[in-house]
Amino acid sequence: MLRKICSIGNSYGISIPKEMLEKLHLTAGAQVVVEIDEKSNKIIIEPKIYESPSEAIDKEFAIQVNDFIERYKPALKVLAKK
């Protein structure tokens, strides 16, 4: 499949067809590992494999979610009963 390299700020990128991302269960924002295979002169893009589920969670986001839950715990309990 032929793709064109485009300028993205001070970097460059390519678009990846939706069908390819779906086959790998990837969505926008997913992390990938990009490497160069110098022997074959190829760029390799692979999904990031996490060793534990907690490694995949953004620490700052987790803190924000916990703060939200603590702040609105009474309202969340009422909503959970409905």
Protein backbone atom coordinates (compact mmCIF):
# COMPACT_ATOMS: atom_id res chain seq x y z
CA MET A 1 0.00 0.00 0.00
CA LEU A 2 1.47 3.33 -1.05
CA ARG A 3 1.35 6.18 1.51
CA LYS A 4 2.78 9.70 1.45
CA ILE A 5 4.93 11.20 4.21
CA CYS A 6 3.46 14.49 5.44
CA SER A 7 4.79 17.29 7.64
CA ILE A 8 3.44 17.43 11.22
CA GLY A 9 4.97 20.40 13.04
CA ASN A 10 8.71 19.72 13.32
CA SER A 11 8.18 16.00 12.59
CA TYR A 12 6.79 13.85 9.82
CA GLY A 13 4.11 11.18 9.71
CA ILE A 14 2.01 8.90 7.58
CA SER A 15 -1.66 8.03 7.80
CA ILE A 16 -2.52 4.44 8.64
CA PRO A 17 -5.69 3.03 7.09
CA LYS A 18 -8.54 2.44 9.52
CA GLU A 19 -8.81 -1.20 8.45
CA MET A 20 -5.20 -1.88 9.50
CA LEU A 21 -5.72 -0.24 12.89
CA GLU A 22 -8.91 -2.22 13.47
CA LYS A 23 -7.10 -5.51 12.75
CA LEU A 24 -4.56 -4.63 15.46
CA HIS A 25 -7.25 -3.28 17.84
CA LEU A 26 -5.64 0.18 17.81
CA THR A 27 -7.37 3.56 18.01
CA ALA A 28 -6.28 7.19 18.01
CA GLY A 29 -4.05 7.80 21.01
CA ALA A 30 -2.76 4.22 21.22
CA GLN A 31 0.97 3.93 21.79
CA VAL A 32 3.20 2.19 19.28
CA VAL A 33 6.91 1.39 19.15
CA VAL A 34 8.73 2.71 16.06
CA GLU A 35 12.09 1.15 15.13
CA ILE A 36 14.39 0.93 12.14
CA ASP A 37 15.56 -2.46 10.90
CA GLU A 38 18.89 -1.37 9.44
CA LYS A 39 19.57 -4.74 7.82
CA SER A 40 16.44 -4.60 5.69
CA ASN A 41 16.20 -0.78 5.61
CA LYS A 42 12.61 -0.85 6.94
CA ILE A 43 10.61 1.12 9.46
CA ILE A 44 8.80 -1.17 11.90
CA ILE A 45 5.72 0.04 13.78
CA GLU A 46 4.36 -2.30 16.48
CA PRO A 47 1.65 -1.91 19.13
CA LYS A 48 3.09 -1.17 22.58
CA ILE A 49 2.76 -4.28 24.76
CA TYR A 50 2.27 -3.48 28.44
CA GLU A 51 3.60 -5.87 31.07
CA SER A 52 0.73 -5.06 33.43
CA PRO A 53 -2.62 -3.28 33.02
CA SER A 54 -1.54 -0.52 35.40
CA GLU A 55 1.40 0.33 33.12
CA ALA A 56 -1.07 1.28 30.35
CA ILE A 57 -2.89 3.85 32.51
CA ASP A 58 -1.67 7.42 32.39
CA LYS A 59 -0.68 8.29 35.97
CA GLU A 60 -1.89 11.92 35.79
CA PHE A 61 -5.25 10.81 34.39
CA ALA A 62 -5.62 8.24 37.17
CA ILE A 63 -4.97 10.96 39.78
CA GLN A 64 -7.61 13.19 38.16
CA VAL A 65 -10.17 10.37 38.13
CA ASN A 66 -9.51 9.55 41.79
CA ASP A 67 -9.86 13.24 42.73
CA PHE A 68 -13.15 13.42 40.82
CA ILE A 69 -14.50 10.33 42.55
CA GLU A 70 -13.54 11.65 46.00
CA ARG A 71 -15.04 15.07 45.29
CA TYR A 72 -18.35 13.75 43.95
CA LYS A 73 -18.62 10.49 45.94
CA PRO A 74 -22.01 11.36 47.55
CA ALA A 75 -23.57 12.25 44.20
CA LEU A 76 -22.09 9.18 42.53
CA LYS A 77 -23.56 6.94 45.26
CA VAL A 78 -27.02 8.44 44.70
CA LEU A 79 -26.71 8.00 40.95
CA ALA A 80 -25.59 4.38 41.37
CA LYS A 81 -28.83 3.57 43.21
CA LYS A 82 -31.03 4.81 40.33
